[in-house]
Each structure stands twice: as C-alpha cells, then as structure tokens.
Amino acid sequence: MARILLTCAIILGIGAAIVVLSPESKATRVAVDTARANIFWMTPSTPSNTQKFTAALRDLGHEPPRAYRLNDNNVYFSTRVTHKSPEMLVHEYQQAFVNSGLNSRAWLQSTEGLLSQPSTASRMTQFDERSEAAMAGEVLPASVSRNHFVMTGMLVNNPADSQSEDDSLTASVEAIEKARVRLAASYTQCGGDPAALKRAQQRAKNQPLQEGSAAQKLDTALARQSSCDSGGPQYCSDLRERLNAGNAELKAIEAAINAQPGLKDCEALRKFDRDTLSMMSEQMTDRVYAFRSLEATRDPASGQTMVTASWSDEEFDMNSVLADEYPVSRNGADEIPLCDSCKRALSFDGTADEALYSTHSLWSTEPVSRVASEYISSLTRDGWDYIDGDSLARQVLARIETPEPDTGSVLRFRRDQQSMTINLRSDRNSGRTLITVGTTQ
C-alpha cells in the first residue's frame, strides 16, 4: 500500500508541477485529447467508478482534464483554484463523492489522524472499513492539515475473479500455514524462549477468532461453502480447523515475541517482516487497475488553495510504474537521450496540446560528474546548445526554500524551439545517480 500511495504522490507531483510551471495561462492550456479525456465528463445511465469520480470533479468546478501518458498508461489531471481552506474542502469533496455515488459515506477523518489514536479493537475495525472502501474505488483522506490535504483511492481486482472462490479460500488457508511455519522458524533462530511460546500457545488455544478480523471473515466464507474445492462438507470443515489452528499459532508466536522485546531486533524476524510486506505489496500491485488522488495546497499569503486531481483509466498497470527499468513502447520517449549506463524508469508526456511537456526519470550506476560530462558531449554533438543550468537551479531552490543538494548538477540545453533540463543527483541509499529529464517546446 505504501508503494502504491508513493506512486500516486509522484504522479500528483508531476501534475502539479506542470500546472504551476506552465508559462501560459490556464485558459490556453486546458486543451486535451478530447476523444480520450472528455468521455470522463459524461454520465451514462450506469456510470463507471471513474466516471463517478470525474462527475464529482466537474460539479466541484474543476477544469476539463488534461491527458498524459505514464509508461504507456493513460493518466489525467484537473485543477481548481478556490479561497476555501483545505479543511473545508475535505467536507465539500467528500459530500460530492457521496452525491455522485462514488463513496458510500463521507470520510472526514484522515488515515494519519486514525493512526495517531491508541491501538484498540475499534480502531482496527475502522481500518478494515477504510481499507475495503479504498480498494473499492472510494476516495478517502490520507492527511489533512490547515494548509494541505491528500486524498487517495484505487480499484482492485478480486482474486476470486481469476479463480474459483473455493480455490481462493483454500489458497488463503495455505498462505496462513506457510506464514506460521516461517515465523516459527524465525522465532527459534532468534533464540526465542520455548517456555514463553508454550504459555502463549496455551492462552491462544480454543480462543474464538476476533470479530471483524480477516481470519474471522475467511472462516465465515468457508462456513458458507458446501464444496470447498470439490472436497465436500468434510473437507470444508477440515479447512476451517486448519484456519483456526494456523491463526492461533500465529497469534501465540506474536504474543511470545511481544513478551520478549529484545527479539524484535533480531535480523531473522526483521527479514520475516520485510518479506511478508514485500509479498503483500506485490500481490496488491498485481491487482490494482485504477487509481485516483487529490492534493490541495493553500498559499497563506494569497489565501488561495489549488486542488490538483489525478486519476487513471481502468486499464492502469501499477507494475509498469513501479518497475526499476521499463521499456516504454511509444516512439516519443525514444527521443529522450540515454547515456550508455542509463536505464529508464518513468516516462511521462502529454497528448495533443499537452505534448509540449514531458518528464522522464532515469538512473545510472556512474557518478554524477561522468553522466553530466557524457550528456554535454552527446547532446552538443546532436545540435543542442549547452546553457549552464546550475545558477538557475540555485535561484529556483532559493525561491521555494529548498536546500541545495550537496551532490548534484543541473544541465540546460536548447535547440530551435525546444528546451531540455537534465537534473542529476547522487542517491546515497542506492549508490546510483538519479536523472530527471524535462522537455518543453
């Protein structure tokens, strides 16, 4: 979920930057690929989730959408400027989403606010409700403050759509059993106290499944099935017993670990957590087929709030956006220069009149100085005029009160009516040089 939200934030940031940095007025920059974008403003008798979202935007006074391509995915942006505060706008947008049929209710509390509350059964129930709503395409506030809000949602395929419900339920029970075996092995490897685990197992034995928990919902689904993977009622009963046993064992190991705080620093248990989160993330990204996000930022000086909405059509490939290297298929992206060691991760450019702008994210294993030298050499050879970009970059960073990067460089080029800016910086975590190429005409 974190990877998905981060991706939505990146897409929002690109859209906001294009709107803010566009030198032309809004009136001359709303033209889009009408055949693809304007359909989202239509409201047929049975509107799709995406059409409900865009209908709400239209009623709220957003401009017509701008159409872009992100690694071969169709994505859209629409903005609105108002004097209302982000806190007031959360109420207004949530009510509009209810009115359009997108949201089942007005979600006014932010996920961030819910996280700050003490961990209780009530809070867990609220999290379950929010998760189900978010993955059903509803748009919920992620964070809300006096001068800012972020709201997100997505559409997710049901695993049962690609396999029988019986197979899906059986696979879920088997996944719990595999997790139990791996966690038990990690507990032993970390030197967990066998006596503490035995006491926890006694306490967990025969305890009912927690009301509203994922295990309880799975048990209810199993109880409704008469076939259970064609094995008949007896096999279904056996699956429920395996579910209860596996869940009780997981809870017991978790309780034993909590009783020994020092175990949480053990690398084997930390790796179990990382592997589990990674597996869940991969499963989730495989299922996402649409997203929608909104971000509102208020300028305290003018009192104006800009709301930027971004969304995809319902054929969005999340894996293509998260890929470390993605071979974009369209011809336009091939015109973006790649150094010998460069790999392309993201290509983002407009359609129709919006084709004036593009942004591309690349990376290289070579240091910043070598990549910069190679770009200057190859681009000047191709007829681009090199302009020192570092002084301009410092001016921009000063205006937005952002500290200058300690290891980086900005290169600017011009050829005929085209401009290109290449931003290079060293990433300490990966050891790579991260490259952003922006073009305008």
Protein backbone atom coordinates (compact mmCIF):
# COMPACT_ATOMS: atom_id res chain seq x y z
CA MET A 1 0.00 0.00 0.00
CA ALA A 2 2.87 2.36 0.80
CA ARG A 3 4.39 1.77 -2.65
CA ILE A 4 1.04 2.47 -4.30
CA LEU A 5 0.46 5.67 -2.33
CA LEU A 6 4.01 6.78 -3.09
CA THR A 7 3.35 6.24 -6.79
CA CYS A 8 0.14 8.28 -6.57
CA ALA A 9 2.11 11.02 -4.81
CA ILE A 10 4.71 11.02 -7.58
CA ILE A 11 2.01 11.29 -10.24
CA LEU A 12 0.33 14.10 -8.31
CA GLY A 13 3.63 15.91 -8.01
CA ILE A 14 4.27 15.70 -11.75
CA GLY A 15 0.79 17.03 -12.49
CA ALA A 16 1.08 19.88 -10.00
CA ALA A 17 4.50 20.86 -11.36
CA ILE A 18 3.20 21.02 -14.92
CA VAL A 19 0.28 23.21 -13.84
CA VAL A 20 2.43 25.54 -11.74
CA LEU A 21 5.38 25.79 -14.13
CA SER A 22 3.34 26.17 -17.30
CA PRO A 23 4.16 29.66 -18.60
CA GLU A 24 0.86 30.06 -20.42
CA SER A 25 -2.39 30.97 -18.71
CA LYS A 26 -4.81 28.30 -17.66
CA ALA A 27 -7.21 29.43 -20.36
CA THR A 28 -4.77 28.49 -23.13
CA ARG A 29 -3.56 25.23 -21.61
CA VAL A 30 -6.69 23.17 -20.99
CA ALA A 31 -6.87 21.64 -24.47
CA VAL A 32 -6.60 17.84 -24.31
CA ASP A 33 -7.03 14.74 -26.39
CA THR A 34 -10.82 15.12 -26.40
CA ALA A 35 -11.54 11.69 -27.80
CA ARG A 36 -9.95 10.13 -24.74
CA ALA A 37 -10.39 12.66 -21.93
CA ASN A 38 -13.79 14.26 -22.41
CA ILE A 39 -15.57 10.93 -22.15
CA PHE A 40 -14.87 11.04 -18.43
CA TRP A 41 -17.19 14.03 -18.07
CA MET A 42 -20.10 12.05 -19.49
CA THR A 43 -22.54 10.37 -17.12
CA PRO A 44 -24.34 7.41 -18.73
CA SER A 45 -27.18 5.54 -17.04
CA THR A 46 -24.72 3.19 -15.34
CA PRO A 47 -21.54 5.28 -14.84
CA SER A 48 -18.27 3.57 -14.07
CA ASN A 49 -16.30 4.28 -10.92
CA THR A 50 -14.02 6.62 -12.88
CA GLN A 51 -16.97 8.49 -14.40
CA LYS A 52 -18.46 8.97 -10.92
CA PHE A 53 -15.15 10.46 -9.80
CA THR A 54 -14.90 12.86 -12.74
CA ALA A 55 -18.57 13.80 -12.49
CA ALA A 56 -17.90 14.93 -8.92
CA LEU A 57 -14.89 16.95 -10.10
CA ARG A 58 -17.00 18.63 -12.77
CA ASP A 59 -19.68 19.56 -10.22
CA LEU A 60 -16.98 20.95 -7.91
CA GLY A 61 -15.77 23.33 -10.61
CA HIS A 62 -12.63 21.60 -11.87
CA GLU A 63 -11.28 22.44 -15.30
CA PRO A 64 -11.61 19.82 -18.09
CA PRO A 65 -8.98 17.09 -17.74
CA ARG A 66 -5.54 17.12 -19.32
CA ALA A 67 -4.49 13.77 -20.80
CA TYR A 68 -0.99 12.32 -20.37
CA ARG A 69 0.84 9.04 -20.80
CA LEU A 70 2.81 7.45 -17.95
CA ASN A 71 4.81 4.39 -19.04
CA ASP A 72 2.12 3.56 -21.60
CA ASN A 73 -0.73 4.22 -19.12
CA ASN A 74 -3.41 6.86 -19.65
CA VAL A 75 -3.49 9.35 -16.76
CA TYR A 76 -5.41 12.59 -16.34
CA PHE A 77 -5.14 15.83 -14.37
CA SER A 78 -7.58 18.56 -13.48
CA THR A 79 -7.15 21.61 -11.27
CA ARG A 80 -9.31 24.02 -9.34
CA VAL A 81 -8.43 27.24 -7.51
CA THR A 82 -10.56 28.43 -4.60
CA HIS A 83 -10.36 30.62 -1.50
CA LYS A 84 -11.73 27.81 0.72
CA SER A 85 -9.35 26.16 3.18
CA PRO A 86 -8.24 22.54 2.70
CA GLU A 87 -10.11 21.58 5.89
CA MET A 88 -13.37 23.00 4.48
CA LEU A 89 -12.71 21.39 1.10
CA VAL A 90 -12.43 17.90 2.62
CA HIS A 91 -16.10 18.17 3.66
CA GLU A 92 -17.08 19.59 0.27
CA TYR A 93 -15.27 16.93 -1.78
CA GLN A 94 -16.42 14.04 0.39
CA GLN A 95 -20.05 15.13 0.06
CA ALA A 96 -19.64 15.47 -3.72
CA PHE A 97 -18.24 11.92 -3.88
CA VAL A 98 -21.27 10.67 -1.92
CA ASN A 99 -23.64 12.57 -4.21
CA SER A 100 -22.03 11.09 -7.33
CA GLY A 101 -22.34 7.56 -5.93
CA LEU A 102 -18.56 7.09 -5.67
CA ASN A 103 -18.36 7.00 -1.85
CA SER A 104 -20.67 5.06 0.43
CA ARG A 105 -20.26 7.76 3.09
CA ALA A 106 -18.38 10.98 3.77
CA TRP A 107 -14.97 10.02 5.16
CA LEU A 108 -13.88 13.05 7.20
CA GLN A 109 -11.19 11.63 9.47
CA SER A 110 -7.77 11.21 7.88
CA THR A 111 -5.82 7.95 7.96
CA GLU A 112 -2.99 9.92 9.57
CA GLY A 113 -5.34 11.02 12.36
CA LEU A 114 -6.59 7.48 12.89
CA LEU A 115 -3.00 6.24 13.15
CA SER A 116 -2.32 8.68 15.99
CA GLN A 117 -5.05 7.11 18.15
CA PRO A 118 -4.34 4.32 20.67
CA SER A 119 -4.50 0.81 19.20
CA THR A 120 -7.91 -0.61 20.07
CA ALA A 121 -10.38 -3.08 18.59
CA SER A 122 -12.47 -0.12 17.46
CA ARG A 123 -9.54 1.41 15.61
CA MET A 124 -8.79 -1.90 13.88
CA THR A 125 -12.43 -2.12 12.77
CA GLN A 126 -12.20 1.40 11.35
CA PHE A 127 -9.02 0.45 9.49
CA ASP A 128 -10.74 -2.58 7.98
CA GLU A 129 -13.66 -0.40 6.86
CA ARG A 130 -11.36 2.18 5.33
CA SER A 131 -9.24 -0.46 3.55
CA GLU A 132 -12.28 -2.08 1.98
CA ALA A 133 -13.65 1.29 0.89
CA ALA A 134 -10.32 2.47 -0.56
CA MET A 135 -9.85 -0.72 -2.58
CA ALA A 136 -13.42 -0.46 -3.86
CA GLY A 137 -12.60 2.84 -5.51
CA GLU A 138 -13.81 5.22 -2.79
CA VAL A 139 -11.62 8.27 -2.13
CA LEU A 140 -10.51 8.80 1.48
CA PRO A 141 -8.43 11.50 3.18
CA ALA A 142 -4.88 10.33 3.86
CA SER A 143 -3.76 13.50 5.65
CA VAL A 144 -5.46 16.80 6.45
CA SER A 145 -3.98 19.98 7.91
CA ARG A 146 -4.72 23.68 7.90
CA ASN A 147 -2.99 24.32 4.57
CA HIS A 148 -2.89 20.91 2.92
CA PHE A 149 -4.76 17.68 2.27
CA VAL A 150 -4.19 14.46 0.32
CA MET A 151 -6.98 12.04 -0.62
CA THR A 152 -6.47 8.71 -2.40
CA GLY A 153 -8.31 5.65 -3.66
CA MET A 154 -7.88 2.78 -6.11
CA LEU A 155 -9.70 -0.01 -7.90
CA VAL A 156 -8.52 -3.53 -7.11
CA ASN A 157 -9.36 -6.83 -8.78
CA ASN A 158 -10.83 -9.52 -6.57
CA PRO A 159 -8.61 -12.65 -6.62
CA ALA A 160 -11.80 -14.67 -6.87
CA ASP A 161 -12.35 -13.12 -10.31
CA SER A 162 -9.45 -15.16 -11.72
CA GLN A 163 -10.09 -18.36 -9.80
CA SER A 164 -13.00 -20.13 -8.15
CA GLU A 165 -13.95 -18.95 -4.68
CA ASP A 166 -13.17 -22.42 -3.35
CA ASP A 167 -9.63 -22.24 -4.76
CA SER A 168 -9.18 -18.73 -3.37
CA LEU A 169 -10.27 -19.78 0.13
CA THR A 170 -8.02 -22.84 0.08
CA ALA A 171 -5.05 -20.72 -1.05
CA SER A 172 -5.70 -18.25 1.79
CA VAL A 173 -5.60 -21.01 4.42
CA GLU A 174 -2.42 -22.44 2.90
CA ALA A 175 -0.81 -18.98 2.99
CA ILE A 176 -1.55 -18.70 6.73
CA GLU A 177 0.01 -22.11 7.34
CA LYS A 178 3.15 -21.21 5.38
CA ALA A 179 3.48 -17.96 7.32
CA ARG A 180 3.15 -19.89 10.60
CA VAL A 181 5.97 -22.26 9.65
CA ARG A 182 8.28 -19.41 8.58
CA LEU A 183 7.56 -17.32 11.67
CA ALA A 184 8.10 -20.29 13.99
CA ALA A 185 11.47 -20.98 12.32
CA SER A 186 12.49 -17.31 12.68
CA TYR A 187 11.45 -17.35 16.36
CA THR A 188 13.65 -20.39 17.01
CA GLN A 189 16.55 -18.94 15.00
CA CYS A 190 16.40 -15.76 17.10
CA GLY A 191 16.62 -17.76 20.34
CA GLY A 192 13.02 -17.25 21.42
CA ASP A 193 12.15 -18.77 24.80
CA PRO A 194 10.33 -22.13 24.26
CA ALA A 195 8.59 -21.79 27.63
CA ALA A 196 7.22 -18.35 26.73
CA LEU A 197 5.90 -19.73 23.45
CA LYS A 198 4.26 -22.68 25.22
CA ARG A 199 2.50 -20.36 27.65
CA ALA A 200 1.29 -18.21 24.76
CA GLN A 201 0.05 -21.30 22.91
CA GLN A 202 -1.99 -22.37 25.94
CA ARG A 203 -3.60 -18.95 26.18
CA ALA A 204 -4.38 -18.87 22.44
CA LYS A 205 -5.81 -22.39 22.38
CA ASN A 206 -9.56 -22.55 21.71
CA GLN A 207 -9.87 -18.76 21.67
CA PRO A 208 -12.53 -17.61 19.19
CA LEU A 209 -11.44 -15.66 16.13
CA GLN A 210 -11.55 -11.92 16.73
CA GLU A 211 -14.78 -10.40 15.46
CA GLY A 212 -14.21 -8.43 12.27
CA SER A 213 -10.70 -9.78 11.71
CA ALA A 214 -9.54 -11.11 8.34
CA ALA A 215 -9.37 -14.66 9.78
CA GLN A 216 -12.94 -14.39 11.07
CA LYS A 217 -14.19 -13.21 7.67
CA LEU A 218 -12.34 -16.09 5.99
CA ASP A 219 -13.90 -18.55 8.44
CA THR A 220 -17.36 -17.17 7.67
CA ALA A 221 -16.73 -17.56 3.94
CA LEU A 222 -15.62 -21.17 4.48
CA ALA A 223 -18.72 -21.90 6.53
CA ARG A 224 -20.90 -20.79 3.60
CA GLN A 225 -19.25 -23.15 1.15
CA SER A 226 -20.62 -26.64 0.64
CA SER A 227 -17.99 -27.84 -1.84
CA CYS A 228 -14.70 -26.26 -0.65
CA ASP A 229 -12.61 -27.10 -3.70
CA SER A 230 -14.92 -30.00 -4.58
CA GLY A 231 -13.87 -31.80 -1.44
CA GLY A 232 -17.32 -31.74 0.10
CA PRO A 233 -18.53 -30.55 3.52
CA GLN A 234 -15.97 -32.63 5.42
CA TYR A 235 -13.09 -31.02 3.54
CA CYS A 236 -14.62 -27.62 4.26
CA SER A 237 -14.71 -28.46 7.96
CA ASP A 238 -11.08 -29.57 7.83
CA LEU A 239 -10.10 -26.26 6.20
CA ARG A 240 -11.81 -24.33 9.00
CA GLU A 241 -9.90 -26.37 11.57
CA ARG A 242 -6.63 -25.68 9.77
CA LEU A 243 -7.50 -21.98 9.62
CA ASN A 244 -8.20 -21.80 13.34
CA ALA A 245 -5.08 -23.77 14.23
CA GLY A 246 -2.81 -21.72 11.97
CA ASN A 247 -4.24 -18.42 13.17
CA ALA A 248 -3.96 -19.43 16.85
CA GLU A 249 -0.31 -20.43 16.33
CA LEU A 250 0.50 -17.13 14.63
CA LYS A 251 -1.14 -15.21 17.47
CA ALA A 252 0.79 -17.27 20.04
CA ILE A 253 4.15 -16.62 18.39
CA GLU A 254 3.30 -12.92 18.10
CA ALA A 255 2.41 -12.79 21.82
CA ALA A 256 5.64 -14.61 22.74
CA ILE A 257 7.70 -12.14 20.68
CA ASN A 258 5.95 -9.17 22.32
CA ALA A 259 6.80 -10.65 25.73
CA GLN A 260 10.49 -10.61 24.74
CA PRO A 261 11.15 -7.09 23.39
CA GLY A 262 14.75 -7.88 22.53
CA LEU A 263 13.64 -10.35 19.85
CA LYS A 264 12.24 -7.57 17.68
CA ASP A 265 15.79 -6.51 16.79
CA CYS A 266 16.71 -9.99 15.57
CA GLU A 267 17.53 -9.94 11.86
CA ALA A 268 15.62 -13.18 11.12
CA LEU A 269 12.36 -11.70 12.45
CA ARG A 270 13.00 -8.37 10.76
CA LYS A 271 13.55 -10.24 7.48
CA PHE A 272 10.27 -12.11 8.02
CA ASP A 273 8.50 -8.75 8.34
CA ARG A 274 10.22 -7.37 5.23
CA ASP A 275 9.46 -10.48 3.16
CA THR A 276 5.83 -10.51 4.28
CA LEU A 277 5.34 -6.84 3.44
CA SER A 278 7.06 -7.31 0.09
CA MET A 279 4.83 -10.27 -0.78
CA MET A 280 1.70 -8.33 0.20
CA SER A 281 2.87 -5.34 -1.83
CA GLU A 282 3.48 -7.47 -4.92
CA GLN A 283 0.10 -9.14 -4.58
CA MET A 284 -1.58 -5.76 -4.21
CA THR A 285 0.16 -4.11 -7.16
CA ASP A 286 -0.77 -7.05 -9.37
CA ARG A 287 -4.42 -6.36 -8.55
CA VAL A 288 -4.58 -2.56 -8.89
CA TYR A 289 -6.15 -1.46 -12.18
CA ALA A 290 -7.03 2.20 -11.49
CA PHE A 291 -6.13 5.00 -9.09
CA ARG A 292 -7.38 8.45 -8.16
CA SER A 293 -5.72 11.09 -5.98
CA LEU A 294 -6.26 14.68 -4.92
CA GLU A 295 -3.91 17.14 -3.28
CA ALA A 296 -4.83 20.63 -2.04
CA THR A 297 -2.23 23.23 -1.09
CA ARG A 298 -3.11 26.64 0.32
CA ASP A 299 -0.93 29.71 -0.12
CA PRO A 300 -1.16 31.56 3.23
CA ALA A 301 -0.15 34.86 1.59
CA SER A 302 -2.94 34.96 -1.02
CA GLY A 303 -5.41 32.70 0.77
CA GLN A 304 -5.88 30.71 -2.42
CA THR A 305 -5.98 26.91 -2.45
CA MET A 306 -5.06 24.91 -5.55
CA VAL A 307 -6.57 21.44 -5.78
CA THR A 308 -4.87 19.04 -8.22
CA ALA A 309 -6.75 15.84 -9.07
CA SER A 310 -5.09 12.95 -10.88
CA TRP A 311 -6.53 9.64 -11.98
CA SER A 312 -6.11 6.84 -14.48
CA ASP A 313 -8.43 4.96 -16.76
CA GLU A 314 -9.44 1.47 -15.67
CA GLU A 315 -6.61 -0.31 -17.51
CA PHE A 316 -3.78 1.04 -15.35
CA ASP A 317 -0.73 -1.20 -14.90
CA MET A 318 0.76 -0.36 -11.49
CA ASN A 319 3.71 -2.71 -12.01
CA SER A 320 4.87 -0.70 -15.02
CA VAL A 321 5.15 2.40 -12.83
CA LEU A 322 7.00 0.64 -10.02
CA ALA A 323 9.44 -1.17 -12.30
CA ASP A 324 13.13 -0.41 -11.85
CA GLU A 325 13.50 -0.33 -15.62
CA TYR A 326 10.63 0.00 -18.08
CA PRO A 327 10.96 -0.11 -21.90
CA VAL A 328 8.33 2.44 -22.93
CA SER A 329 6.83 1.37 -26.25
CA ARG A 330 5.87 4.66 -27.91
CA ASN A 331 8.27 6.45 -30.25
CA GLY A 332 8.29 9.83 -28.48
CA ALA A 333 10.13 8.50 -25.45
CA ASP A 334 12.91 7.18 -27.69
CA GLU A 335 13.91 10.76 -28.47
CA ILE A 336 14.94 11.30 -24.83
CA PRO A 337 18.71 10.81 -24.63
CA LEU A 338 20.07 7.91 -22.64
CA CYS A 339 23.68 7.76 -21.51
CA ASP A 340 25.48 4.44 -22.07
CA SER A 341 24.82 3.29 -18.50
CA CYS A 342 21.36 4.89 -18.13
CA LYS A 343 18.17 2.93 -17.51
CA ARG A 344 14.71 4.46 -17.88
CA ALA A 345 12.24 4.04 -15.02
CA LEU A 346 9.47 6.56 -15.82
CA SER A 347 8.40 8.37 -18.96
CA PHE A 348 5.64 10.93 -18.66
CA ASP A 349 4.42 13.09 -21.53
CA GLY A 350 1.30 14.80 -22.76
CA THR A 351 -1.06 14.14 -25.63
CA ALA A 352 -2.43 16.66 -28.13
CA ASP A 353 -1.58 20.22 -27.00
CA GLU A 354 -0.14 18.83 -23.75
CA ALA A 355 2.59 17.13 -25.82
CA LEU A 356 4.61 20.31 -25.27
CA TYR A 357 5.74 18.87 -21.95
CA SER A 358 7.44 15.65 -20.89
CA THR A 359 9.27 14.36 -17.83
CA HIS A 360 11.47 11.27 -17.70
CA SER A 361 13.14 9.57 -14.74
CA LEU A 362 16.36 7.65 -15.38
CA TRP A 363 19.18 6.20 -13.31
CA SER A 364 22.81 5.28 -13.81
CA THR A 365 25.49 3.43 -11.89
CA GLU A 366 28.06 6.03 -12.97
CA PRO A 367 28.85 9.10 -10.79
CA VAL A 368 27.15 12.47 -11.39
CA SER A 369 30.24 14.09 -12.94
CA ARG A 370 30.69 11.33 -15.52
CA VAL A 371 27.00 11.24 -16.50
CA ALA A 372 26.94 15.07 -16.80
CA SER A 373 30.04 15.05 -19.00
CA GLU A 374 28.57 12.38 -21.24
CA TYR A 375 25.28 14.28 -21.68
CA ILE A 376 27.06 17.54 -22.53
CA SER A 377 29.21 15.75 -25.10
CA SER A 378 26.43 13.73 -26.77
CA LEU A 379 23.81 16.50 -26.84
CA THR A 380 26.11 19.19 -28.23
CA ARG A 381 27.14 16.67 -30.89
CA ASP A 382 23.43 16.31 -31.79
CA GLY A 383 22.99 20.07 -32.24
CA TRP A 384 21.87 21.15 -28.78
CA ASP A 385 23.30 24.37 -27.30
CA TYR A 386 24.53 23.90 -23.72
CA ILE A 387 23.50 26.51 -21.13
CA ASP A 388 24.90 26.45 -17.60
CA GLY A 389 21.92 25.36 -15.52
CA ASP A 390 23.38 25.29 -12.00
CA SER A 391 22.98 29.04 -11.37
CA LEU A 392 19.32 28.90 -12.41
CA ALA A 393 18.76 25.83 -10.25
CA ARG A 394 20.09 27.69 -7.22
CA GLN A 395 17.69 30.55 -7.89
CA VAL A 396 14.71 28.18 -8.14
CA LEU A 397 15.70 26.30 -4.98
CA ALA A 398 16.03 29.59 -3.10
CA ARG A 399 12.57 30.70 -4.22
CA ILE A 400 10.92 27.54 -2.95
CA GLU A 401 13.09 27.50 0.20
CA THR A 402 14.59 24.11 -0.59
CA PRO A 403 18.17 23.42 0.50
CA GLU A 404 20.60 22.90 -2.35
CA PRO A 405 21.58 19.28 -3.00
CA ASP A 406 25.09 18.56 -1.77
CA THR A 407 25.92 16.28 -4.70
CA GLY A 408 24.16 17.11 -7.95
CA SER A 409 24.13 19.13 -11.13
CA VAL A 410 21.59 20.78 -13.44
CA LEU A 411 22.20 20.95 -17.20
CA ARG A 412 20.15 23.09 -19.58
CA PHE A 413 20.07 22.77 -23.38
CA ARG A 414 18.26 24.47 -26.25
CA ARG A 415 17.72 23.50 -29.88
CA ASP A 416 15.42 25.54 -32.15
CA GLN A 417 12.18 25.92 -30.14
CA GLN A 418 12.91 23.03 -27.81
CA SER A 419 14.32 23.28 -24.29
CA MET A 420 15.69 20.43 -22.18
CA THR A 421 16.65 20.42 -18.49
CA ILE A 422 18.57 17.50 -17.01
CA ASN A 423 18.75 17.26 -13.23
CA LEU A 424 21.32 14.84 -11.80
CA ARG A 425 21.80 13.93 -8.16
CA SER A 426 23.53 11.21 -6.21
CA ASP A 427 21.33 8.87 -4.17
CA ARG A 428 23.18 7.71 -1.07
CA ASN A 429 20.84 4.80 -0.38
CA SER A 430 21.18 3.09 -3.76
CA GLY A 431 24.58 4.48 -4.80
CA ARG A 432 23.04 5.48 -8.11
CA THR A 433 22.88 8.74 -10.00
CA LEU A 434 19.22 9.71 -10.35
CA ILE A 435 18.39 11.66 -13.50
CA THR A 436 15.30 13.69 -14.37
CA VAL A 437 14.93 14.92 -17.94
CA GLY A 438 12.29 17.56 -18.64
CA THR A 439 11.43 18.90 -22.10
CA THR A 440 9.32 21.82 -23.32
CA GLN A 441 8.62 23.39 -26.70
